[in-house]
Structure formats: structure tokens, C-alpha cells
Amino acid sequence: MLPDLTSIDFSKPINVHADVIFRRRSSDLDNIWKPLLDMLQRHIPSFNDNKVVRMSANKFVTKDDDEVGYYIQIYNCEERDYAQFQEDHK
């Protein structure tokens, strides 16, 4: 299910968060990103994954087949400056 996107400025940096529900603990959380970002580009005309500067995800496991899927949050965020990143990690 896609969230309400009326407040998102897709010309600015984007943060994508996904809560992902799997049937098996052995499912790999990292495998969600490419298909998820491709789906967003297909279904949201103004979305371009080159604007995504942050991604985060939570993995949940359920035995209920009706609960398997994604809950997605998309919002604008500040893009971190690389020079500041380097300074923070000295």
C-alpha cells in the first residue's frame, strides 16, 4: 500500500522507509530495495530513485500469509554534505 504522497516534493532529497513482513526469518531484507524502488518509479510519475538519499527498513516475520508485504513511508529529508560526513567521522 502506498502512503499519502501529497506533501512530498519529488524534486528534493527523499527518504524511503519500509517495514517488510516476510513468512520466513531466512528471507533477506536487503533484497527488497531494487524491486521496491522500481515499483515506486512505475506507480508514482514524479518519483525518481536518483533523489533517494536515505533508505531504512525493518524486517518482521509472520505465519499469516495475509500479512506479508510492505508498509512504505516516503518523506523529504536533508541531504548530508560529504565534507560534514568526513568531519563527523574523524
PDB file of N, CA and C in Angstrom:
ATOM      1  N   MET A   1       0.846  -1.171   0.000  1.00  0.00           N
ATOM      2  CA  MET A   1       0.000   0.000   0.000  1.00  0.00           C
ATOM      3  C   MET A   1       0.897   1.243   0.000  1.00  0.00           C
ATOM      4  N   LEU A   2       0.607   2.162  -0.907  1.00  0.00           N
ATOM      5  CA  LEU A   2       1.388   3.401  -0.969  1.00  0.00           C
ATOM      6  C   LEU A   2       0.832   4.425   0.006  1.00  0.00           C
ATOM      7  N   PRO A   3       1.697   5.195   0.629  1.00  0.00           N
ATOM      8  CA  PRO A   3       1.254   6.228   1.571  1.00  0.00           C
ATOM      9  C   PRO A   3       0.714   7.447   0.831  1.00  0.00           C
ATOM     10  N   ASP A   4       0.128   8.373   1.573  1.00  0.00           N
ATOM     11  CA  ASP A   4      -0.295   9.653   1.012  1.00  0.00           C
ATOM     12  C   ASP A   4       0.953  10.440   0.647  1.00  0.00           C
ATOM     13  N   LEU A   5       1.054  10.840  -0.604  1.00  0.00           N
ATOM     14  CA  LEU A   5       2.266  11.488  -1.100  1.00  0.00           C
ATOM     15  C   LEU A   5       2.059  12.956  -1.448  1.00  0.00           C
ATOM     16  N   THR A   6       0.931  13.531  -1.064  1.00  0.00           N
ATOM     17  CA  THR A   6       0.612  14.897  -1.467  1.00  0.00           C
ATOM     18  C   THR A   6       1.580  15.930  -0.898  1.00  0.00           C
ATOM     19  N   SER A   7       2.222  15.631   0.211  1.00  0.00           N
ATOM     20  CA  SER A   7       3.131  16.612   0.816  1.00  0.00           C
ATOM     21  C   SER A   7       4.583  16.439   0.371  1.00  0.00           C
ATOM     22  N   ILE A   8       4.869  15.482  -0.490  1.00  0.00           N
ATOM     23  CA  ILE A   8       6.242  15.194  -0.907  1.00  0.00           C
ATOM     24  C   ILE A   8       6.629  16.055  -2.102  1.00  0.00           C
ATOM     25  N   ASP A   9       7.790  16.687  -2.009  1.00  0.00           N
ATOM     26  CA  ASP A   9       8.370  17.412  -3.140  1.00  0.00           C
ATOM     27  C   ASP A   9       9.398  16.475  -3.767  1.00  0.00           C
ATOM     28  N   PHE A  10       9.036  15.864  -4.898  1.00  0.00           N
ATOM     29  CA  PHE A  10       9.888  14.856  -5.515  1.00  0.00           C
ATOM     30  C   PHE A  10      11.096  15.441  -6.233  1.00  0.00           C
ATOM     31  N   SER A  11      11.238  16.763  -6.222  1.00  0.00           N
ATOM     32  CA  SER A  11      12.449  17.373  -6.779  1.00  0.00           C
ATOM     33  C   SER A  11      13.534  17.525  -5.715  1.00  0.00           C
ATOM     34  N   LYS A  12      13.195  17.224  -4.463  1.00  0.00           N
ATOM     35  CA  LYS A  12      14.128  17.352  -3.340  1.00  0.00           C
ATOM     36  C   LYS A  12      14.535  15.973  -2.836  1.00  0.00           C
ATOM     37  N   PRO A  13      15.570  15.905  -1.981  1.00  0.00           N
ATOM     38  CA  PRO A  13      16.022  14.616  -1.451  1.00  0.00           C
ATOM     39  C   PRO A  13      14.902  13.847  -0.744  1.00  0.00           C
ATOM     40  N   ILE A  14      14.930  12.535  -0.920  1.00  0.00           N
ATOM     41  CA  ILE A  14      13.870  11.658  -0.427  1.00  0.00           C
ATOM     42  C   ILE A  14      14.458  10.613   0.523  1.00  0.00           C
ATOM     43  N   ASN A  15      13.696  10.301   1.568  1.00  0.00           N
ATOM     44  CA  ASN A  15      13.975   9.200   2.473  1.00  0.00           C
ATOM     45  C   ASN A  15      12.877   8.160   2.261  1.00  0.00           C
ATOM     46  N   VAL A  16      13.263   6.914   2.053  1.00  0.00           N
ATOM     47  CA  VAL A  16      12.299   5.825   1.910  1.00  0.00           C
ATOM     48  C   VAL A  16      12.510   4.858   3.068  1.00  0.00           C
ATOM     49  N   HIS A  17      11.429   4.585   3.795  1.00  0.00           N
ATOM     50  CA  HIS A  17      11.472   3.606   4.878  1.00  0.00           C
ATOM     51  C   HIS A  17      10.454   2.517   4.556  1.00  0.00           C
ATOM     52  N   ALA A  18      10.853   1.272   4.779  1.00  0.00           N
ATOM     53  CA  ALA A  18       9.944   0.148   4.543  1.00  0.00           C
ATOM     54  C   ALA A  18       9.913  -0.761   5.756  1.00  0.00           C
ATOM     55  N   ASP A  19       8.709  -1.072   6.208  1.00  0.00           N
ATOM     56  CA  ASP A  19       8.507  -2.145   7.173  1.00  0.00           C
ATOM     57  C   ASP A  19       8.074  -3.339   6.329  1.00  0.00           C
ATOM     58  N   VAL A  20       8.851  -4.402   6.368  1.00  0.00           N
ATOM     59  CA  VAL A  20       8.649  -5.532   5.471  1.00  0.00           C
ATOM     60  C   VAL A  20       8.276  -6.762   6.284  1.00  0.00           C
ATOM     61  N   ILE A  21       7.185  -7.407   5.876  1.00  0.00           N
ATOM     62  CA  ILE A  21       6.720  -8.598   6.577  1.00  0.00           C
ATOM     63  C   ILE A  21       6.955  -9.807   5.689  1.00  0.00           C
ATOM     64  N   PHE A  22       7.762 -10.738   6.195  1.00  0.00           N
ATOM     65  CA  PHE A  22       8.106 -11.971   5.485  1.00  0.00           C
ATOM     66  C   PHE A  22       7.448 -13.170   6.155  1.00  0.00           C
ATOM     67  N   ARG A  23       7.399 -14.288   5.444  1.00  0.00           N
ATOM     68  CA  ARG A  23       6.928 -15.545   6.009  1.00  0.00           C
ATOM     69  C   ARG A  23       8.048 -16.310   6.704  1.00  0.00           C
ATOM     70  N   ARG A  24       9.294 -16.066   6.269  1.00  0.00           N
ATOM     71  CA  ARG A  24      10.417 -16.819   6.822  1.00  0.00           C
ATOM     72  C   ARG A  24      11.503 -15.885   7.347  1.00  0.00           C
ATOM     73  N   ARG A  25      12.079 -16.243   8.467  1.00  0.00           N
ATOM     74  CA  ARG A  25      13.183 -15.465   9.034  1.00  0.00           C
ATOM     75  C   ARG A  25      14.382 -15.471   8.087  1.00  0.00           C
ATOM     76  N   SER A  26      14.521 -16.510   7.272  1.00  0.00           N
ATOM     77  CA  SER A  26      15.667 -16.626   6.375  1.00  0.00           C
ATOM     78  C   SER A  26      15.574 -15.684   5.158  1.00  0.00           C
ATOM     79  N   SER A  27      14.443 -15.014   4.955  1.00  0.00           N
ATOM     80  CA  SER A  27      14.318 -14.058   3.842  1.00  0.00           C
ATOM     81  C   SER A  27      15.272 -12.889   4.060  1.00  0.00           C
ATOM     82  N   ASP A  28      15.924 -12.466   2.989  1.00  0.00           N
ATOM     83  CA  ASP A  28      16.928 -11.410   3.073  1.00  0.00           C
ATOM     84  C   ASP A  28      16.307 -10.022   2.916  1.00  0.00           C
ATOM     85  N   LEU A  29      16.462  -9.194   3.917  1.00  0.00           N
ATOM     86  CA  LEU A  29      15.907  -7.850   3.892  1.00  0.00           C
ATOM     87  C   LEU A  29      16.524  -6.988   2.794  1.00  0.00           C
ATOM     88  N   ASP A  30      17.797  -7.169   2.505  1.00  0.00           N
ATOM     89  CA  ASP A  30      18.457  -6.333   1.509  1.00  0.00           C
ATOM     90  C   ASP A  30      17.915  -6.544   0.094  1.00  0.00           C
ATOM     91  N   ASN A  31      17.257  -7.660  -0.157  1.00  0.00           N
ATOM     92  CA  ASN A  31      16.736  -7.935  -1.495  1.00  0.00           C
ATOM     93  C   ASN A  31      15.485  -7.138  -1.847  1.00  0.00           C
ATOM     94  N   ILE A  32      14.965  -6.364  -0.926  1.00  0.00           N
ATOM     95  CA  ILE A  32      13.737  -5.606  -1.206  1.00  0.00           C
ATOM     96  C   ILE A  32      13.979  -4.354  -2.029  1.00  0.00           C
ATOM     97  N   TRP A  33      15.188  -3.783  -1.980  1.00  0.00           N
ATOM     98  CA  TRP A  33      15.368  -2.405  -2.442  1.00  0.00           C
ATOM     99  C   TRP A  33      15.164  -2.197  -3.940  1.00  0.00           C
ATOM    100  N   LYS A  34      15.803  -2.960  -4.776  1.00  0.00           N
ATOM    101  CA  LYS A  34      15.683  -2.742  -6.219  1.00  0.00           C
ATOM    102  C   LYS A  34      14.226  -2.900  -6.691  1.00  0.00           C
ATOM    103  N   PRO A  35      13.541  -4.000  -6.359  1.00  0.00           N
ATOM    104  CA  PRO A  35      12.142  -4.116  -6.787  1.00  0.00           C
ATOM    105  C   PRO A  35      11.241  -3.029  -6.198  1.00  0.00           C
ATOM    106  N   LEU A  36      11.491  -2.653  -4.948  1.00  0.00           N
ATOM    107  CA  LEU A  36      10.671  -1.623  -4.318  1.00  0.00           C
ATOM    108  C   LEU A  36      10.851  -0.280  -5.011  1.00  0.00           C
ATOM    109  N   LEU A  37      12.088   0.128  -5.246  1.00  0.00           N
ATOM    110  CA  LEU A  37      12.332   1.413  -5.916  1.00  0.00           C
ATOM    111  C   LEU A  37      11.826   1.391  -7.354  1.00  0.00           C
ATOM    112  N   ASP A  38      11.960   0.277  -8.048  1.00  0.00           N
ATOM    113  CA  ASP A  38      11.417   0.166  -9.410  1.00  0.00           C
ATOM    114  C   ASP A  38       9.898   0.289  -9.407  1.00  0.00           C
ATOM    115  N   MET A  39       9.239  -0.335  -8.435  1.00  0.00           N
ATOM    116  CA  MET A  39       7.781  -0.238  -8.329  1.00  0.00           C
ATOM    117  C   MET A  39       7.353   1.199  -8.067  1.00  0.00           C
ATOM    118  N   LEU A  40       8.064   1.908  -7.188  1.00  0.00           N
ATOM    119  CA  LEU A  40       7.724   3.302  -6.904  1.00  0.00           C
ATOM    120  C   LEU A  40       7.856   4.153  -8.167  1.00  0.00           C
ATOM    121  N   GLN A  41       8.893   3.921  -8.957  1.00  0.00           N
ATOM    122  CA  GLN A  41       9.072   4.688 -10.197  1.00  0.00           C
ATOM    123  C   GLN A  41       7.960   4.399 -11.197  1.00  0.00           C
ATOM    124  N   ARG A  42       7.473   3.160 -11.233  1.00  0.00           N
ATOM    125  CA  ARG A  42       6.385   2.823 -12.160  1.00  0.00           C
ATOM    126  C   ARG A  42       5.055   3.434 -11.747  1.00  0.00           C
ATOM    127  N   HIS A  43       4.804   3.527 -10.439  1.00  0.00           N
ATOM    128  CA  HIS A  43       3.484   3.924  -9.952  1.00  0.00           C
ATOM    129  C   HIS A  43       3.369   5.371  -9.485  1.00  0.00           C
ATOM    130  N   ILE A  44       4.487   6.051  -9.355  1.00  0.00           N
ATOM    131  CA  ILE A  44       4.466   7.462  -8.958  1.00  0.00           C
ATOM    132  C   ILE A  44       5.201   8.236 -10.042  1.00  0.00           C
ATOM    133  N   PRO A  45       4.475   8.892 -10.947  1.00  0.00           N
ATOM    134  CA  PRO A  45       5.111   9.532 -12.104  1.00  0.00           C
ATOM    135  C   PRO A  45       6.243  10.499 -11.760  1.00  0.00           C
ATOM    136  N   SER A  46       6.157  11.215 -10.658  1.00  0.00           N
ATOM    137  CA  SER A  46       7.177  12.210 -10.327  1.00  0.00           C
ATOM    138  C   SER A  46       8.325  11.644  -9.489  1.00  0.00           C
ATOM    139  N   PHE A  47       8.257  10.350  -9.135  1.00  0.00           N
ATOM    140  CA  PHE A  47       9.301   9.726  -8.317  1.00  0.00           C
ATOM    141  C   PHE A  47      10.455   9.274  -9.207  1.00  0.00           C
ATOM    142  N   ASN A  48      11.678   9.616  -8.792  1.00  0.00           N
ATOM    143  CA  ASN A  48      12.869   9.112  -9.463  1.00  0.00           C
ATOM    144  C   ASN A  48      13.829   8.668  -8.369  1.00  0.00           C
ATOM    145  N   ASP A  49      14.292   7.432  -8.450  1.00  0.00           N
ATOM    146  CA  ASP A  49      15.120   6.918  -7.350  1.00  0.00           C
ATOM    147  C   ASP A  49      16.467   7.608  -7.228  1.00  0.00           C
ATOM    148  N   ASN A  50      16.839   8.452  -8.188  1.00  0.00           N
ATOM    149  CA  ASN A  50      18.088   9.204  -8.016  1.00  0.00           C
ATOM    150  C   ASN A  50      17.941  10.310  -6.964  1.00  0.00           C
ATOM    151  N   LYS A  51      16.735  10.580  -6.518  1.00  0.00           N
ATOM    152  CA  LYS A  51      16.509  11.554  -5.444  1.00  0.00           C
ATOM    153  C   LYS A  51      16.568  10.909  -4.058  1.00  0.00           C
ATOM    154  N   VAL A  52      16.622   9.579  -3.996  1.00  0.00           N
ATOM    155  CA  VAL A  52      16.663   8.880  -2.709  1.00  0.00           C
ATOM    156  C   VAL A  52      18.072   8.997  -2.127  1.00  0.00           C
ATOM    157  N   VAL A  53      18.158   9.625  -0.958  1.00  0.00           N
ATOM    158  CA  VAL A  53      19.450   9.802  -0.287  1.00  0.00           C
ATOM    159  C   VAL A  53      19.535   9.003   1.017  1.00  0.00           C
ATOM    160  N   ARG A  54      18.394   8.478   1.472  1.00  0.00           N
ATOM    161  CA  ARG A  54      18.369   7.646   2.681  1.00  0.00           C
ATOM    162  C   ARG A  54      17.369   6.520   2.482  1.00  0.00           C
ATOM    163  N   MET A  55      17.740   5.349   2.991  1.00  0.00           N
ATOM    164  CA  MET A  55      16.840   4.199   2.986  1.00  0.00           C
ATOM    165  C   MET A  55      16.983   3.496   4.327  1.00  0.00           C
ATOM    166  N   SER A  56      15.870   3.035   4.845  1.00  0.00           N
ATOM    167  CA  SER A  56      15.899   2.242   6.066  1.00  0.00           C
ATOM    168  C   SER A  56      14.789   1.205   5.984  1.00  0.00           C
ATOM    169  N   ALA A  57      14.956   0.129   6.745  1.00  0.00           N
ATOM    170  CA  ALA A  57      13.952  -0.932   6.711  1.00  0.00           C
ATOM    171  C   ALA A  57      13.943  -1.698   8.016  1.00  0.00           C
ATOM    172  N   ASN A  58      12.783  -2.223   8.332  1.00  0.00           N
ATOM    173  CA  ASN A  58      12.604  -3.152   9.441  1.00  0.00           C
ATOM    174  C   ASN A  58      12.061  -4.446   8.877  1.00  0.00           C
ATOM    175  N   LYS A  59      12.537  -5.557   9.412  1.00  0.00           N
ATOM    176  CA  LYS A  59      12.084  -6.879   8.997  1.00  0.00           C
ATOM    177  C   LYS A  59      11.220  -7.479  10.092  1.00  0.00           C
ATOM    178  N   PHE A  60      10.054  -7.982   9.673  1.00  0.00           N
ATOM    179  CA  PHE A  60       9.157  -8.687  10.579  1.00  0.00           C
ATOM    180  C   PHE A  60       8.829 -10.041   9.957  1.00  0.00           C
ATOM    181  N   VAL A  61       8.569 -11.022  10.790  1.00  0.00           N
ATOM    182  CA  VAL A  61       8.230 -12.362  10.318  1.00  0.00           C
ATOM    183  C   VAL A  61       6.850 -12.715  10.862  1.00  0.00           C
ATOM    184  N   THR A  62       6.017 -13.286   9.987  1.00  0.00           N
ATOM    185  CA  THR A  62       4.680 -13.700  10.381  1.00  0.00           C
ATOM    186  C   THR A  62       4.360 -15.048   9.765  1.00  0.00           C
ATOM    187  N   LYS A  63       3.452 -15.756  10.365  1.00  0.00           N
ATOM    188  CA  LYS A  63       2.959 -17.012   9.791  1.00  0.00           C
ATOM    189  C   LYS A  63       1.678 -16.770   9.001  1.00  0.00           C
ATOM    190  N   ASP A  64       1.112 -15.577   9.095  1.00  0.00           N
ATOM    191  CA  ASP A  64      -0.143 -15.228   8.423  1.00  0.00           C
ATOM    192  C   ASP A  64       0.142 -14.739   7.002  1.00  0.00           C
ATOM    193  N   ASP A  65      -0.209 -15.529   5.993  1.00  0.00           N
ATOM    194  CA  ASP A  65       0.039 -15.163   4.600  1.00  0.00           C
ATOM    195  C   ASP A  65      -0.623 -13.850   4.206  1.00  0.00           C
ATOM    196  N   ASP A  66      -1.703 -13.470   4.862  1.00  0.00           N
ATOM    197  CA  ASP A  66      -2.398 -12.221   4.535  1.00  0.00           C
ATOM    198  C   ASP A  66      -1.638 -10.991   5.012  1.00  0.00           C
ATOM    199  N   GLU A  67      -0.666 -11.167   5.874  1.00  0.00           N
ATOM    200  CA  GLU A  67       0.096 -10.048   6.420  1.00  0.00           C
ATOM    201  C   GLU A  67       1.393  -9.778   5.678  1.00  0.00           C
ATOM    202  N   VAL A  68       1.796 -10.642   4.769  1.00  0.00           N
ATOM    203  CA  VAL A  68       3.061 -10.498   4.057  1.00  0.00           C
ATOM    204  C   VAL A  68       2.999  -9.284   3.134  1.00  0.00           C
ATOM    205  N   GLY A  69       4.058  -8.454   3.147  1.00  0.00           N
ATOM    206  CA  GLY A  69       4.103  -7.297   2.257  1.00  0.00           C
ATOM    207  C   GLY A  69       4.927  -6.165   2.824  1.00  0.00           C
ATOM    208  N   TYR A  70       4.683  -4.971   2.285  1.00  0.00           N
ATOM    209  CA  TYR A  70       5.422  -3.765   2.646  1.00  0.00           C
ATOM    210  C   TYR A  70       4.485  -2.727   3.243  1.00  0.00           C
ATOM    211  N   TYR A  71       4.988  -1.968   4.188  1.00  0.00           N
ATOM    212  CA  TYR A  71       4.396  -0.698   4.601  1.00  0.00           C
ATOM    213  C   TYR A  71       5.471   0.337   4.325  1.00  0.00           C
ATOM    214  N   ILE A  72       5.176   1.292   3.468  1.00  0.00           N
ATOM    215  CA  ILE A  72       6.192   2.209   2.965  1.00  0.00           C
ATOM    216  C   ILE A  72       5.934   3.620   3.475  1.00  0.00           C
ATOM    217  N   GLN A  73       7.005   4.284   3.882  1.00  0.00           N
ATOM    218  CA  GLN A  73       6.953   5.704   4.225  1.00  0.00           C
ATOM    219  C   GLN A  73       7.937   6.423   3.316  1.00  0.00           C
ATOM    220  N   ILE A  74       7.488   7.524   2.746  1.00  0.00           N
ATOM    221  CA  ILE A  74       8.346   8.345   1.892  1.00  0.00           C
ATOM    222  C   ILE A  74       8.226   9.776   2.387  1.00  0.00           C
ATOM    223  N   TYR A  75       9.348  10.417   2.599  1.00  0.00           N
ATOM    224  CA  TYR A  75       9.294  11.817   3.009  1.00  0.00           C
ATOM    225  C   TYR A  75      10.551  12.539   2.581  1.00  0.00           C
ATOM    226  N   ASN A  76      10.443  13.854   2.529  1.00  0.00           N
ATOM    227  CA  ASN A  76      11.604  14.676   2.194  1.00  0.00           C
ATOM    228  C   ASN A  76      12.543  14.722   3.388  1.00  0.00           C
ATOM    229  N   CYS A  77      13.822  14.889   3.090  1.00  0.00           N
ATOM    230  CA  CYS A  77      14.835  14.974   4.133  1.00  0.00           C
ATOM    231  C   CYS A  77      15.958  15.874   3.640  1.00  0.00           C
ATOM    232  N   GLU A  78      16.862  16.175   4.528  1.00  0.00           N
ATOM    233  CA  GLU A  78      18.043  16.941   4.164  1.00  0.00           C
ATOM    234  C   GLU A  78      19.099  15.995   3.613  1.00  0.00           C
ATOM    235  N   GLU A  79      19.749  16.402   2.565  1.00  0.00           N
ATOM    236  CA  GLU A  79      20.853  15.611   2.034  1.00  0.00           C
ATOM    237  C   GLU A  79      22.108  15.982   2.817  1.00  0.00           C
ATOM    238  N   ARG A  80      22.801  14.986   3.340  1.00  0.00           N
ATOM    239  CA  ARG A  80      24.009  15.256   4.113  1.00  0.00           C
ATOM    240  C   ARG A  80      25.143  15.636   3.182  1.00  0.00           C
ATOM    241  N   ASP A  81      25.937  16.570   3.618  1.00  0.00           N
ATOM    242  CA  ASP A  81      27.103  17.013   2.889  1.00  0.00           C
ATOM    243  C   ASP A  81      28.254  16.050   3.179  1.00  0.00           C
ATOM    244  N   TYR A  82      28.954  15.603   2.137  1.00  0.00           N
ATOM    245  CA  TYR A  82      30.032  14.632   2.335  1.00  0.00           C
ATOM    246  C   TYR A  82      31.169  15.191   3.183  1.00  0.00           C
ATOM    247  N   ALA A  83      31.483  16.461   3.010  1.00  0.00           N
ATOM    248  CA  ALA A  83      32.540  17.067   3.831  1.00  0.00           C
ATOM    249  C   ALA A  83      32.156  17.020   5.310  1.00  0.00           C
ATOM    250  N   GLN A  84      30.886  17.268   5.611  1.00  0.00           N
ATOM    251  CA  GLN A  84      30.423  17.192   7.002  1.00  0.00           C
ATOM    252  C   GLN A  84      30.480  15.749   7.509  1.00  0.00           C
ATOM    253  N   PHE A  85      30.118  14.800   6.644  1.00  0.00           N
ATOM    254  CA  PHE A  85      30.221  13.380   6.991  1.00  0.00           C
ATOM    255  C   PHE A  85      31.654  13.024   7.380  1.00  0.00           C
ATOM    256  N   GLN A  86      32.621  13.469   6.567  1.00  0.00           N
ATOM    257  CA  GLN A  86      34.029  13.190   6.864  1.00  0.00           C
ATOM    258  C   GLN A  86      34.444  13.822   8.191  1.00  0.00           C
ATOM    259  N   GLU A  87      34.014  15.040   8.416  1.00  0.00           N
ATOM    260  CA  GLU A  87      34.346  15.734   9.658  1.00  0.00           C
ATOM    261  C   GLU A  87      33.756  14.994  10.866  1.00  0.00           C
ATOM    262  N   ASP A  88      32.527  14.502  10.743  1.00  0.00           N
ATOM    263  CA  ASP A  88      31.857  13.790  11.835  1.00  0.00           C
ATOM    264  C   ASP A  88      32.552  12.469  12.160  1.00  0.00           C
ATOM    265  N   HIS A  89      33.298  11.907  11.211  1.00  0.00           N
ATOM    266  CA  HIS A  89      33.904  10.594  11.407  1.00  0.00           C
ATOM    267  C   HIS A  89      35.422  10.650  11.599  1.00  0.00           C
ATOM    268  N   LYS A  90      35.926  11.792  11.997  1.00  0.00           N
ATOM    269  CA  LYS A  90      37.364  11.915  12.310  1.00  0.00           C
ATOM    270  C   LYS A  90      37.618  11.456  13.719  1.00  0.00           C
TER     271      LYS A  90
END
